[in-house]
Amino acid sequence: MTKDVIALTPKMPGTDALLAALHAGGPDLGLTATDDGAVLQLCTADGRPLVSVEAPLLVHTPGEAERLLGLGAGAPEPPYWWTETRASTAVPAAESLAGSVCGRLTMLLGGSVWPPEAGHTARVTTPDGDAAQPSPASGAPALPVVDVLTGSTAVVLADRPVVPLTAWLSDLLRATTRSDRAFHLVTPPHVRLTLPLRTALGGAPNRWVVQDPAGGYHDGLSGLRLAWRDGTFAPLGTEVAAAFTSRATPAGHRQLTISFRTVHAPDAGLELGGALESAWRHLTGAPPAGWGTAEPVNLPWSRRQLTQAARDRAPSPTHLVVIGAPGRPAVATHRVTRTTAGVAEDTTLTLGFTAPEEVPLDALEAMAEELVGEHGLTTMLTTLRRARADLTLPPHLEPPPLPVAFTLGSREVRTIGLTHARRPPLAPRPRQLGPATAPALHYALGDGTEAAAWTALQVLTEHLKAGSPA
């Protein structure tokens, strides 16, 4: 397992400060670099990694430390520098070493250490290595964040209140996919995930594995009991762990999720992110606060910079995380791809509310009309569910989302045929959006309280498919 310790400083950790911090274990420890120098490692004399130190990240986004670390994070006012260290618990002294690295940084630069009790400035004596840490398995990477590597699975053990989609986790997920392995994240039962990490995990063979309080393990998303077999975590039949169903979502909490696609002609003057910003303004009254390629989200919102990042990565897809202001929980995952039809933006925006009456369902139709008329909307599905308003995912059962509305863009309506598309066997009839010469259709499906809305969506989908060209 790894232990994370983070330094939050108002000043940049320059070379002198980093060197002073890295001497927390004395001059006998080795220093190596991985990921083209983006990660530094303190190692024992025989090369066994003790602590990894990531390149400092300048965070401009208000509320990120509180969102990911809790209200007691004690971060300076933005912008501030986020320096993350990870200690391998295979060596007992490594966690104290990470705390000393971060403590020395804050002593020199100001700021705070998270968790607060971890920071100090004492020199830490570490074992020579042979007796303290077993040799890694053949082929295992020299990274403490990978705790177990088998022929089929890479396992990371994490213990922090909220596990975000950090840059190293994002890289690790890509690496395991390239090596045809599953990625399994193992956590204690009190840990929650951010929605971007949940999205990145996807489905099988990747898993969130939770240590069951009663013993054993269960899947954090499905509740299925798991066991370690043949180098991977596998289900023990169809039994669901009692811990998965024994806790309830806070009363009244809701999550509104809008998943939509827009497609644009690949024009040199194209600026991306317009549909996302429009939806954000309709639902919160303000634009997004920040964006980035991972968490913490560190850059202030800028459509121009977002567009340039996508251009720099083309023709490969660009995956982004977008965050809102602290007063209104909102987070989006945003994917930009080149398709035969043009440049596609796929967005999933989720907002959290502490009471049902706060959910702005009455804003959906006007939002859909603007996305259709100004941003090339092709499809949009809106759902509502009982789930945590802080937009973190706990390892216990939460009710599934219920459809609220579906919007079909003008090009799709034209392909299916307007007469057919606006006459599904449902009530009420869809509302026509946009100009009469190129109409889109907005279908109301429910208010997020009736499971029958899934049946209505299925009926609508089958009706629209029946009108599509073969």
Protein backbone atom coordinates (compact mmCIF):
# COMPACT_ATOMS: atom_id res chain seq x y z
CA MET A 1 0.00 0.00 0.00
CA THR A 2 1.11 3.58 -0.54
CA LYS A 3 0.58 6.53 1.76
CA ASP A 4 0.07 9.95 0.17
CA VAL A 5 1.47 13.12 1.72
CA ILE A 6 0.98 16.46 -0.04
CA ALA A 7 2.68 19.85 0.36
CA LEU A 8 0.54 22.90 -0.51
CA THR A 9 2.82 25.93 -0.82
CA PRO A 10 2.32 29.54 -1.97
CA LYS A 11 5.79 29.53 -3.58
CA MET A 12 7.14 27.23 -6.27
CA PRO A 13 9.36 24.41 -4.99
CA GLY A 14 12.51 25.29 -6.89
CA THR A 15 15.66 23.22 -7.22
CA ASP A 16 17.17 24.37 -3.91
CA ALA A 17 13.97 23.67 -1.94
CA LEU A 18 13.51 20.26 -3.55
CA LEU A 19 17.12 19.28 -2.84
CA ALA A 20 16.75 20.31 0.80
CA ALA A 21 13.52 18.34 1.08
CA LEU A 22 15.00 15.26 -0.59
CA HIS A 23 17.78 15.18 2.02
CA ALA A 24 15.17 14.20 4.61
CA GLY A 25 16.63 10.69 4.62
CA GLY A 26 20.26 11.79 4.67
CA PRO A 27 22.94 11.53 1.97
CA ASP A 28 22.97 7.73 1.77
CA LEU A 29 19.67 7.43 -0.10
CA GLY A 30 19.70 7.20 -3.88
CA LEU A 31 17.76 9.48 -6.21
CA THR A 32 16.29 8.38 -9.52
CA ALA A 33 13.90 9.92 -12.03
CA THR A 34 11.06 8.29 -13.97
CA ASP A 35 8.50 9.50 -16.54
CA ASP A 36 11.00 11.81 -18.26
CA GLY A 37 11.87 13.45 -14.96
CA ALA A 38 8.27 14.14 -13.92
CA VAL A 39 8.64 11.85 -10.88
CA LEU A 40 11.65 11.72 -8.53
CA GLN A 41 12.27 8.70 -6.31
CA LEU A 42 14.18 8.34 -3.08
CA CYS A 43 15.59 4.82 -3.01
CA THR A 44 17.57 2.56 -0.71
CA ALA A 45 21.19 1.80 -1.54
CA ASP A 46 20.11 -1.26 -3.54
CA GLY A 47 17.63 0.76 -5.61
CA ARG A 48 14.37 -0.09 -3.86
CA PRO A 49 11.95 2.87 -4.04
CA LEU A 50 10.86 4.46 -0.77
CA VAL A 51 9.16 7.72 -1.74
CA SER A 52 8.04 9.14 -5.09
CA VAL A 53 7.82 12.92 -5.49
CA GLU A 54 5.76 14.24 -8.40
CA ALA A 55 6.57 17.44 -10.25
CA PRO A 56 4.89 20.39 -8.47
CA LEU A 57 1.57 21.48 -10.00
CA LEU A 58 0.40 25.11 -9.99
CA VAL A 59 -3.30 25.12 -9.00
CA HIS A 60 -5.37 28.16 -9.99
CA THR A 61 -8.80 26.64 -9.26
CA PRO A 62 -10.53 27.70 -6.01
CA GLY A 63 -11.72 24.89 -3.75
CA GLU A 64 -9.71 22.02 -5.29
CA ALA A 65 -7.80 21.17 -2.11
CA GLU A 66 -11.04 21.20 -0.10
CA ARG A 67 -12.84 19.09 -2.73
CA LEU A 68 -10.18 16.39 -2.82
CA LEU A 69 -8.61 16.59 0.66
CA GLY A 70 -11.40 17.91 2.90
CA LEU A 71 -12.21 21.20 4.60
CA GLY A 72 -9.13 20.95 6.84
CA ALA A 73 -6.66 20.91 3.94
CA GLY A 74 -5.40 24.39 4.82
CA ALA A 75 -4.39 25.32 1.27
CA PRO A 76 -3.13 28.85 0.55
CA GLU A 77 -5.20 31.16 -1.62
CA PRO A 78 -4.92 30.21 -5.31
CA PRO A 79 -2.67 30.04 -7.13
CA TYR A 80 -0.59 27.66 -5.04
CA TRP A 81 1.74 24.73 -5.68
CA TRP A 82 0.62 21.13 -5.11
CA THR A 83 3.52 18.70 -4.57
CA GLU A 84 2.39 15.11 -4.07
CA THR A 85 4.55 12.39 -2.53
CA ARG A 86 3.82 8.68 -2.15
CA ALA A 87 5.46 6.40 0.38
CA SER A 88 5.62 2.63 0.11
CA THR A 89 4.31 1.05 3.31
CA ALA A 90 6.50 -1.99 2.59
CA VAL A 91 9.15 0.03 4.45
CA PRO A 92 7.71 1.36 7.74
CA ALA A 93 9.96 4.44 7.76
CA ALA A 94 8.94 5.52 4.26
CA GLU A 95 5.75 7.27 5.37
CA SER A 96 7.71 9.35 7.87
CA LEU A 97 10.22 10.10 5.12
CA ALA A 98 7.45 11.43 2.86
CA GLY A 99 6.17 13.55 5.75
CA SER A 100 9.62 15.01 6.25
CA VAL A 101 10.00 15.82 2.54
CA CYS A 102 6.70 17.75 2.61
CA GLY A 103 7.40 19.28 6.00
CA ARG A 104 10.70 20.68 4.81
CA LEU A 105 9.06 22.15 1.72
CA THR A 106 6.47 24.01 3.80
CA MET A 107 9.15 25.13 6.29
CA LEU A 108 11.04 26.76 3.41
CA LEU A 109 8.11 27.97 1.31
CA GLY A 110 5.17 28.35 3.71
CA GLY A 111 1.82 26.63 3.28
CA SER A 112 0.63 23.37 4.81
CA VAL A 113 1.04 19.61 4.74
CA TRP A 114 -1.80 17.17 4.17
CA PRO A 115 -2.62 15.22 6.23
CA PRO A 116 -1.60 17.77 8.89
CA GLU A 117 -0.23 15.19 11.31
CA ALA A 118 2.18 13.81 8.70
CA GLY A 119 4.38 16.89 8.31
CA HIS A 120 7.69 17.26 10.19
CA THR A 121 11.30 18.20 9.43
CA ALA A 122 13.30 15.54 11.27
CA ARG A 123 15.85 13.39 9.47
CA VAL A 124 14.48 9.90 8.92
CA THR A 125 16.68 6.83 9.19
CA THR A 126 15.66 4.06 6.81
CA PRO A 127 16.78 0.41 6.69
CA ASP A 128 19.32 -0.72 4.13
CA GLY A 129 16.61 -2.48 2.20
CA ASP A 130 17.32 -6.20 2.03
CA ALA A 131 15.58 -7.02 5.29
CA ALA A 132 13.00 -4.30 5.03
CA GLN A 133 11.38 -4.84 1.68
CA PRO A 134 10.96 -8.03 -0.33
CA SER A 135 12.30 -8.09 -3.86
CA PRO A 136 9.71 -7.06 -6.43
CA ALA A 137 8.32 -9.69 -8.71
CA SER A 138 10.08 -10.20 -12.01
CA GLY A 139 8.91 -7.60 -14.49
CA ALA A 140 7.35 -5.38 -11.81
CA PRO A 141 7.87 -1.66 -12.35
CA ALA A 142 10.02 0.20 -9.85
CA LEU A 143 7.10 2.35 -8.74
CA PRO A 144 5.68 2.15 -5.22
CA VAL A 145 2.25 3.08 -6.56
CA VAL A 146 2.05 -0.36 -8.17
CA ASP A 147 1.77 -2.72 -5.23
CA VAL A 148 1.21 -5.98 -7.10
CA LEU A 149 1.84 -6.81 -10.73
CA THR A 150 0.84 -10.15 -12.20
CA GLY A 151 0.52 -11.39 -15.74
CA SER A 152 -3.12 -10.26 -15.83
CA THR A 153 -3.53 -7.47 -13.27
CA ALA A 154 -1.89 -4.33 -11.87
CA VAL A 155 -2.99 -3.63 -8.30
CA VAL A 156 -2.77 -0.30 -6.49
CA LEU A 157 -3.69 0.01 -2.80
CA ALA A 158 -4.78 3.49 -1.73
CA ASP A 159 -5.93 4.96 1.58
CA ARG A 160 -7.12 8.56 1.50
CA PRO A 161 -10.66 9.95 2.02
CA VAL A 162 -11.17 10.70 -1.68
CA VAL A 163 -9.17 9.10 -4.51
CA PRO A 164 -9.05 11.41 -7.57
CA LEU A 165 -8.03 10.79 -11.17
CA THR A 166 -4.46 12.01 -10.68
CA ALA A 167 -1.99 12.19 -13.55
CA TRP A 168 -0.14 9.09 -12.38
CA LEU A 169 -3.37 7.07 -12.08
CA SER A 170 -4.40 8.19 -15.55
CA ASP A 171 -1.01 7.14 -16.93
CA LEU A 172 -1.21 3.84 -15.07
CA LEU A 173 -4.65 3.07 -16.50
CA ARG A 174 -3.32 3.66 -20.02
CA ALA A 175 -0.24 1.53 -19.32
CA THR A 176 -2.27 -1.41 -18.03
CA THR A 177 -4.51 -1.22 -21.09
CA ARG A 178 -1.47 -1.25 -23.40
CA SER A 179 -0.05 -4.28 -21.57
CA ASP A 180 -3.42 -6.09 -21.80
CA ARG A 181 -3.82 -6.11 -18.02
CA ALA A 182 -6.68 -5.25 -15.71
CA PHE A 183 -6.31 -2.40 -13.23
CA HIS A 184 -7.59 -3.05 -9.70
CA LEU A 185 -7.76 -0.24 -7.13
CA VAL A 186 -7.96 -1.61 -3.57
CA THR A 187 -9.16 0.66 -0.75
CA PRO A 188 -10.53 0.50 2.81
CA PRO A 189 -14.32 0.91 3.13
CA HIS A 190 -14.21 4.61 4.12
CA VAL A 191 -12.64 5.70 0.80
CA ARG A 192 -14.68 7.42 -1.93
CA LEU A 193 -13.86 8.03 -5.61
CA THR A 194 -14.31 11.16 -7.68
CA LEU A 195 -16.62 10.87 -10.69
CA PRO A 196 -13.75 11.35 -13.19
CA LEU A 197 -11.91 8.38 -11.67
CA ARG A 198 -15.10 6.33 -11.72
CA THR A 199 -15.51 7.14 -15.41
CA ALA A 200 -11.88 6.30 -16.19
CA LEU A 201 -12.13 2.92 -14.46
CA GLY A 202 -14.90 1.96 -16.88
CA GLY A 203 -16.08 -1.61 -16.58
CA ALA A 204 -14.52 -5.06 -16.53
CA PRO A 205 -11.74 -6.06 -16.34
CA ASN A 206 -10.93 -2.97 -14.23
CA ARG A 207 -12.28 -2.98 -10.67
CA TRP A 208 -12.63 -0.96 -7.51
CA VAL A 209 -11.93 -3.53 -4.78
CA VAL A 210 -13.09 -2.66 -1.25
CA GLN A 211 -11.80 -4.35 1.88
CA ASP A 212 -14.95 -5.62 3.56
CA PRO A 213 -15.24 -4.64 7.26
CA ALA A 214 -16.45 -8.18 8.00
CA GLY A 215 -13.49 -9.70 6.16
CA GLY A 216 -12.72 -10.40 2.54
CA TYR A 217 -13.34 -8.05 -0.36
CA HIS A 218 -16.21 -6.78 -2.49
CA ASP A 219 -16.61 -4.77 -5.68
CA GLY A 220 -17.15 -1.10 -4.85
CA LEU A 221 -19.51 -0.61 -7.81
CA SER A 222 -21.59 -3.80 -7.87
CA GLY A 223 -21.17 -5.14 -4.32
CA LEU A 224 -20.19 -8.63 -5.53
CA ARG A 225 -17.96 -10.52 -3.12
CA LEU A 226 -14.44 -10.95 -4.49
CA ALA A 227 -11.45 -13.18 -3.81
CA TRP A 228 -7.83 -13.15 -4.97
CA ARG A 229 -7.49 -16.02 -7.44
CA ASP A 230 -4.79 -16.77 -9.98
CA GLY A 231 -3.27 -13.31 -9.77
CA THR A 232 -6.45 -11.24 -9.93
CA PHE A 233 -9.62 -10.33 -7.99
CA ALA A 234 -12.57 -12.41 -9.22
CA PRO A 235 -16.23 -12.70 -8.11
CA LEU A 236 -17.26 -15.34 -5.58
CA GLY A 237 -20.49 -16.26 -7.34
CA THR A 238 -23.35 -13.77 -7.28
CA GLU A 239 -23.48 -12.94 -3.57
CA VAL A 240 -23.54 -9.21 -2.68
CA ALA A 241 -21.67 -8.08 0.44
CA ALA A 242 -23.86 -6.89 3.31
CA ALA A 243 -21.70 -3.75 3.69
CA PHE A 244 -22.64 -2.70 0.17
CA THR A 245 -26.37 -2.49 0.95
CA SER A 246 -26.30 -1.47 4.62
CA ARG A 247 -25.66 2.27 4.13
CA ALA A 248 -27.96 4.88 2.64
CA THR A 249 -27.46 8.04 0.59
CA PRO A 250 -27.94 11.27 2.62
CA ALA A 251 -31.63 12.21 2.60
CA GLY A 252 -32.62 14.62 -0.16
CA HIS A 253 -29.30 14.53 -2.01
CA ARG A 254 -29.55 14.44 -5.80
CA GLN A 255 -27.22 14.31 -8.82
CA LEU A 256 -28.35 15.72 -12.16
CA THR A 257 -26.33 14.35 -15.10
CA ILE A 258 -26.42 15.67 -18.66
CA SER A 259 -24.60 13.60 -21.29
CA PHE A 260 -24.41 15.20 -24.71
CA ARG A 261 -22.49 15.21 -27.98
CA THR A 262 -21.81 18.14 -30.28
CA VAL A 263 -20.15 17.92 -33.70
CA HIS A 264 -18.42 20.79 -35.54
CA ALA A 265 -16.84 21.28 -38.92
CA PRO A 266 -13.02 21.19 -38.54
CA ASP A 267 -12.61 24.90 -39.20
CA ALA A 268 -9.34 26.68 -38.39
CA GLY A 269 -11.25 29.21 -36.29
CA LEU A 270 -13.15 26.59 -34.26
CA GLU A 271 -13.09 27.17 -30.50
CA LEU A 272 -14.12 24.18 -28.40
CA GLY A 273 -15.95 24.05 -25.08
CA GLY A 274 -18.81 26.34 -26.06
CA ALA A 275 -21.59 23.81 -25.50
CA LEU A 276 -20.14 22.83 -22.13
CA GLU A 277 -19.91 26.46 -21.01
CA SER A 278 -23.45 27.16 -22.23
CA ALA A 279 -24.87 24.20 -20.31
CA TRP A 280 -22.90 25.22 -17.21
CA ARG A 281 -24.28 28.76 -17.33
CA HIS A 282 -27.86 27.57 -17.82
CA LEU A 283 -27.68 25.23 -14.82
CA THR A 284 -25.49 27.20 -12.39
CA GLY A 285 -25.60 30.82 -13.56
CA ALA A 286 -21.82 30.91 -14.05
CA PRO A 287 -19.15 29.42 -16.35
CA PRO A 288 -16.87 26.56 -15.25
CA ALA A 289 -14.11 27.49 -12.82
CA GLY A 290 -11.29 25.34 -14.14
CA TRP A 291 -10.10 22.59 -16.42
CA GLY A 292 -7.23 20.15 -16.73
CA THR A 293 -6.19 16.74 -17.95
CA ALA A 294 -6.38 15.18 -14.46
CA GLU A 295 -7.15 15.97 -10.83
CA PRO A 296 -6.48 18.27 -9.08
CA VAL A 297 -7.94 20.48 -11.80
CA ASN A 298 -5.37 23.24 -11.96
CA LEU A 299 -6.05 25.63 -14.87
CA PRO A 300 -8.54 28.52 -14.91
CA TRP A 301 -11.36 28.04 -17.41
CA SER A 302 -10.31 29.05 -20.93
CA ARG A 303 -11.90 27.81 -24.14
CA ARG A 304 -8.91 29.07 -26.09
CA GLN A 305 -6.42 27.05 -24.05
CA LEU A 306 -8.68 24.01 -24.08
CA THR A 307 -8.86 24.19 -27.88
CA GLN A 308 -5.08 24.49 -28.18
CA ALA A 309 -4.60 21.44 -25.95
CA ALA A 310 -6.90 19.41 -28.20
CA ARG A 311 -5.07 20.61 -31.32
CA ASP A 312 -1.71 19.68 -29.79
CA ARG A 313 -2.95 16.13 -29.12
CA ALA A 314 -4.71 15.59 -32.45
CA PRO A 315 -5.32 13.18 -34.07
CA SER A 316 -5.34 11.38 -30.70
CA PRO A 317 -8.39 12.02 -28.48
CA THR A 318 -8.19 14.56 -25.67
CA HIS A 319 -9.65 13.66 -22.27
CA LEU A 320 -10.31 16.56 -19.89
CA VAL A 321 -11.80 17.21 -16.45
CA VAL A 322 -13.78 20.42 -15.86
CA ILE A 323 -14.80 21.72 -12.42
CA GLY A 324 -17.15 24.37 -11.09
CA ALA A 325 -16.91 26.95 -8.33
CA PRO A 326 -16.93 25.63 -4.72
CA GLY A 327 -20.43 26.94 -3.98
CA ARG A 328 -22.11 24.72 -6.59
CA PRO A 329 -20.76 21.16 -6.88
CA ALA A 330 -20.34 20.43 -10.59
CA VAL A 331 -17.84 18.31 -12.49
CA ALA A 332 -17.61 17.19 -16.11
CA THR A 333 -15.58 14.77 -18.15
CA HIS A 334 -14.97 16.05 -21.67
CA ARG A 335 -13.61 14.10 -24.66
CA VAL A 336 -12.59 15.65 -27.98
CA THR A 337 -12.17 13.37 -31.02
CA ARG A 338 -11.84 13.66 -34.77
CA THR A 339 -14.56 11.76 -36.62
CA THR A 340 -15.67 11.42 -40.22
CA ALA A 341 -18.36 14.01 -39.46
CA GLY A 342 -15.93 16.57 -37.99
CA VAL A 343 -14.72 17.41 -34.49
CA ALA A 344 -16.86 15.74 -31.82
CA GLU A 345 -17.12 16.79 -28.18
CA ASP A 346 -18.60 14.23 -25.77
CA THR A 347 -19.47 15.69 -22.38
CA THR A 348 -20.89 14.25 -19.19
CA LEU A 349 -21.76 17.04 -16.75
CA THR A 350 -22.95 16.19 -13.24
CA LEU A 351 -24.26 18.65 -10.64
CA GLY A 352 -24.95 17.97 -6.97
CA PHE A 353 -27.89 19.24 -4.89
CA THR A 354 -28.80 18.80 -1.24
CA ALA A 355 -32.58 18.97 -1.80
CA PRO A 356 -34.85 17.88 -4.69
CA GLU A 357 -36.37 21.34 -5.07
CA GLU A 358 -32.93 22.77 -5.94
CA VAL A 359 -32.66 20.73 -9.15
CA PRO A 360 -33.20 23.12 -12.13
CA LEU A 361 -35.37 20.85 -14.27
CA ASP A 362 -37.18 23.89 -15.67
CA ALA A 363 -33.93 25.08 -17.28
CA LEU A 364 -33.42 21.96 -19.41
CA GLU A 365 -35.53 22.89 -22.44
CA ALA A 366 -34.01 26.35 -22.85
CA MET A 367 -30.54 24.84 -22.44
CA ALA A 368 -31.31 22.22 -25.10
CA GLU A 369 -32.57 24.91 -27.50
CA GLU A 370 -29.36 26.91 -27.17
CA LEU A 371 -27.17 23.84 -27.64
CA VAL A 372 -29.13 22.94 -30.77
CA GLY A 373 -29.14 26.44 -32.25
CA GLU A 374 -25.58 27.51 -31.47
CA HIS A 375 -23.40 24.48 -30.74
CA GLY A 376 -24.27 21.62 -33.09
CA LEU A 377 -25.96 19.32 -30.56
CA THR A 378 -26.58 15.81 -31.91
CA THR A 379 -27.98 13.99 -28.86
CA MET A 380 -28.47 14.71 -25.16
CA LEU A 381 -29.72 12.53 -22.30
CA THR A 382 -30.56 14.00 -18.89
CA THR A 383 -30.93 11.81 -15.80
CA LEU A 384 -31.51 12.35 -12.09
CA ARG A 385 -30.52 10.09 -9.22
CA ARG A 386 -30.42 9.95 -5.44
CA ALA A 387 -26.69 10.26 -4.75
CA ARG A 388 -24.21 12.34 -2.79
CA ALA A 389 -24.36 16.07 -3.47
CA ASP A 390 -20.56 16.36 -3.15
CA LEU A 391 -20.26 14.22 -6.30
CA THR A 392 -18.05 11.57 -4.72
CA LEU A 393 -18.80 7.88 -5.09
CA PRO A 394 -19.02 5.76 -1.92
CA PRO A 395 -18.51 1.97 -1.94
CA HIS A 396 -22.14 1.21 -1.23
CA LEU A 397 -25.38 0.96 -3.15
CA GLU A 398 -26.87 4.11 -4.63
CA PRO A 399 -30.09 4.03 -6.69
CA PRO A 400 -29.65 4.05 -10.47
CA PRO A 401 -30.30 7.25 -12.42
CA LEU A 402 -33.75 7.87 -13.88
CA PRO A 403 -34.25 9.51 -17.30
CA VAL A 404 -35.67 13.03 -17.32
CA ALA A 405 -35.35 14.13 -20.95
CA PHE A 406 -33.82 13.25 -24.31
CA THR A 407 -32.94 15.69 -27.08
CA LEU A 408 -32.38 14.78 -30.73
CA GLY A 409 -30.41 17.21 -32.88
CA SER A 410 -31.61 18.57 -36.21
CA ARG A 411 -29.31 16.45 -38.36
CA GLU A 412 -30.49 13.27 -36.63
CA VAL A 413 -34.13 14.36 -36.97
CA ARG A 414 -33.57 14.91 -40.69
CA THR A 415 -31.99 11.46 -41.04
CA ILE A 416 -34.87 9.73 -39.24
CA GLY A 417 -37.57 11.91 -40.73
CA LEU A 418 -39.41 14.66 -38.85
CA THR A 419 -42.85 13.05 -39.16
CA HIS A 420 -41.65 9.76 -37.72
CA ALA A 421 -39.39 11.31 -35.05
CA ARG A 422 -42.09 13.53 -33.56
CA ARG A 423 -44.69 10.76 -33.26
CA PRO A 424 -43.36 8.23 -30.74
CA PRO A 425 -45.98 6.18 -28.86
CA LEU A 426 -45.49 8.37 -25.79
CA ALA A 427 -47.16 11.26 -24.02
CA PRO A 428 -46.47 14.13 -23.98
CA ARG A 429 -45.46 14.89 -27.54
CA PRO A 430 -41.92 16.23 -28.09
CA ARG A 431 -41.23 19.96 -28.25
CA GLN A 432 -39.77 21.24 -31.51
CA LEU A 433 -36.59 23.29 -31.08
CA GLY A 434 -34.69 25.48 -33.50
CA PRO A 435 -35.78 26.81 -36.90
CA ALA A 436 -38.63 25.17 -38.77
CA THR A 437 -36.26 24.47 -41.65
CA ALA A 438 -33.93 22.37 -39.44
CA PRO A 439 -35.87 21.37 -36.32
CA ALA A 440 -34.61 19.39 -33.35
CA LEU A 441 -36.85 17.55 -30.90
CA HIS A 442 -36.88 17.56 -27.09
CA TYR A 443 -38.64 14.63 -25.40
CA ALA A 444 -39.75 14.94 -21.77
CA LEU A 445 -39.55 11.55 -20.03
CA GLY A 446 -40.24 12.25 -16.36
CA ASP A 447 -39.23 14.19 -13.27
CA GLY A 448 -36.60 11.77 -11.99
CA THR A 449 -38.86 9.99 -9.50
CA GLU A 450 -40.50 7.23 -11.58
CA ALA A 451 -38.71 4.08 -12.72
CA ALA A 452 -41.21 3.89 -15.61
CA ALA A 453 -39.11 6.58 -17.31
CA TRP A 454 -36.66 3.85 -18.34
CA THR A 455 -39.47 2.10 -20.18
CA ALA A 456 -40.38 5.37 -21.89
CA LEU A 457 -36.77 5.87 -22.97
CA GLN A 458 -36.59 2.34 -24.33
CA VAL A 459 -39.83 2.82 -26.29
CA LEU A 460 -38.51 6.11 -27.67
CA THR A 461 -35.16 4.59 -28.64
CA GLU A 462 -36.78 1.69 -30.47
CA HIS A 463 -39.13 4.07 -32.26
CA LEU A 464 -36.26 6.28 -33.45
CA LYS A 465 -34.20 3.28 -34.57
CA ALA A 466 -37.15 2.07 -36.63
CA GLY A 467 -37.03 5.32 -38.59
CA SER A 468 -33.26 5.31 -39.15
CA PRO A 469 -31.83 4.17 -42.50
CA ALA A 470 -30.61 0.58 -42.48
